[in-house]
C-alpha atoms as a PDB file:
ATOM      1  CA  MET A   1     -25.878-236.162  53.163  1.00  0.00           C
ATOM      2  CA  ALA A   2     -27.773-233.427  55.000  1.00  0.00           C
ATOM      3  CA  ASN A   3     -31.544-233.168  55.171  1.00  0.00           C
ATOM      4  CA  THR A   4     -32.747-231.574  51.945  1.00  0.00           C
ATOM      5  CA  ASN A   5     -36.240-230.231  51.369  1.00  0.00           C
ATOM      6  CA  TYR A   6     -35.741-229.231  47.742  1.00  0.00           C
ATOM      7  CA  MET A   7     -33.246-230.490  45.209  1.00  0.00           C
ATOM      8  CA  THR A   8     -32.806-230.958  41.481  1.00  0.00           C
ATOM      9  CA  SER A   9     -30.871-233.862  40.023  1.00  0.00           C
ATOM     10  CA  VAL A  10     -30.568-236.092  37.001  1.00  0.00           C
ATOM     11  CA  VAL A  11     -31.177-239.738  37.907  1.00  0.00           C
ATOM     12  CA  LYS A  12     -30.872-242.955  35.917  1.00  0.00           C
ATOM     13  CA  ILE A  13     -33.869-245.316  36.044  1.00  0.00           C
ATOM     14  CA  LEU A  14     -32.638-248.730  37.231  1.00  0.00           C
ATOM     15  CA  GLU A  15     -35.808-250.781  36.718  1.00  0.00           C
ATOM     16  CA  VAL A  16     -38.972-250.685  34.657  1.00  0.00           C
ATOM     17  CA  PRO A  17     -41.359-248.101  36.213  1.00  0.00           C
ATOM     18  CA  LYS A  18     -44.358-249.976  37.671  1.00  0.00           C
ATOM     19  CA  PRO A  19     -47.694-248.107  37.602  1.00  0.00           C
ATOM     20  CA  LYS A  20     -50.448-249.123  40.046  1.00  0.00           C
ATOM     21  CA  LEU A  21     -53.662-247.727  41.510  1.00  0.00           C
ATOM     22  CA  LEU A  22     -53.702-246.517  45.092  1.00  0.00           C
ATOM     23  CA  ASN A  23     -57.110-246.561  46.823  1.00  0.00           C
ATOM     24  CA  ASN A  24     -58.720-247.348  43.445  1.00  0.00           C
ATOM     25  CA  LYS A  25     -58.401-243.725  42.293  1.00  0.00           C
ATOM     26  CA  THR A  26     -54.823-242.404  42.425  1.00  0.00           C
ATOM     27  CA  LEU A  27     -52.300-243.670  39.864  1.00  0.00           C
ATOM     28  CA  ILE A  28     -48.748-243.954  41.224  1.00  0.00           C
ATOM     29  CA  THR A  29     -45.549-245.186  39.598  1.00  0.00           C
ATOM     30  CA  GLU A  30     -42.707-246.639  41.666  1.00  0.00           C
ATOM     31  CA  PHE A  31     -39.129-247.351  40.599  1.00  0.00           C
ATOM     32  CA  ARG A  32     -35.538-247.365  41.822  1.00  0.00           C
ATOM     33  CA  ALA A  33     -33.130-244.768  40.435  1.00  0.00           C
ATOM     34  CA  LEU A  34     -29.416-244.065  40.679  1.00  0.00           C
ATOM     35  CA  LEU A  35     -28.681-240.681  42.276  1.00  0.00           C
ATOM     36  CA  PRO A  36     -25.123-239.637  41.358  1.00  0.00           C
ATOM     37  CA  GLN A  37     -23.082-237.829  43.989  1.00  0.00           C
ATOM     38  CA  ILE A  38     -19.537-236.517  44.067  1.00  0.00           C
ATOM     39  CA  LYS A  39     -17.958-239.358  46.071  1.00  0.00           C
ATOM     40  CA  THR A  40     -20.398-242.258  45.731  1.00  0.00           C
ATOM     41  CA  SER A  41     -23.702-242.923  44.011  1.00  0.00           C
ATOM     42  CA  LYS A  42     -26.886-243.750  45.918  1.00  0.00           C
ATOM     43  CA  VAL A  43     -29.880-245.856  44.905  1.00  0.00           C
ATOM     44  CA  VAL A  44     -33.163-244.140  45.777  1.00  0.00           C
ATOM     45  CA  HIS A  45     -36.773-245.365  45.652  1.00  0.00           C
ATOM     46  CA  LEU A  46     -38.996-242.821  43.862  1.00  0.00           C
ATOM     47  CA  VAL A  47     -42.786-242.591  43.850  1.00  0.00           C
ATOM     48  CA  ILE A  48     -44.496-240.387  41.243  1.00  0.00           C
ATOM     49  CA  TRP A  49     -48.262-239.745  41.222  1.00  0.00           C
ATOM     50  CA  GLY A  50     -50.967-238.080  39.150  1.00  0.00           C
ATOM     51  CA  ASP A  51     -50.652-237.142  35.472  1.00  0.00           C
ATOM     52  CA  LEU A  52     -46.850-237.203  35.688  1.00  0.00           C
ATOM     53  CA  SER A  53     -47.073-240.846  36.768  1.00  0.00           C
ATOM     54  CA  ASN A  54     -48.998-241.730  33.628  1.00  0.00           C
ATOM     55  CA  LYS A  55     -46.510-239.899  31.383  1.00  0.00           C
ATOM     56  CA  LEU A  56     -43.492-241.437  33.108  1.00  0.00           C
ATOM     57  CA  SER A  57     -44.729-245.000  32.728  1.00  0.00           C
ATOM     58  CA  SER A  58     -45.694-244.337  29.076  1.00  0.00           C
ATOM     59  CA  TYR A  59     -42.526-242.619  27.818  1.00  0.00           C
ATOM     60  CA  ASN A  60     -39.634-243.685  30.047  1.00  0.00           C
ATOM     61  CA  LYS A  61     -37.997-247.069  30.396  1.00  0.00           C
ATOM     62  CA  GLN A  62     -35.087-248.727  32.159  1.00  0.00           C
ATOM     63  CA  ASN A  63     -31.684-246.972  31.734  1.00  0.00           C
ATOM     64  CA  ASP A  64     -33.274-243.617  30.766  1.00  0.00           C
ATOM     65  CA  SER A  65     -32.059-240.512  32.564  1.00  0.00           C
ATOM     66  CA  ILE A  66     -34.630-238.055  33.913  1.00  0.00           C
ATOM     67  CA  LEU A  67     -34.523-234.717  35.703  1.00  0.00           C
ATOM     68  CA  ILE A  68     -36.230-234.705  39.098  1.00  0.00           C
END
């Protein structure tokens, strides 16, 4: 896969998103997701921060599909 600066994809959440505080002020959520590709699928580690992090950990769960 070539270096990509911008991309849009639908990924499947493989584990429960885990929210945590970074530097006691920034909320981040980390999780692994399945990135489908034409020949093979790849597992990627995603980190979401800010208000989107709070929404993701509140509304999404394992095996949900999301657009990134």
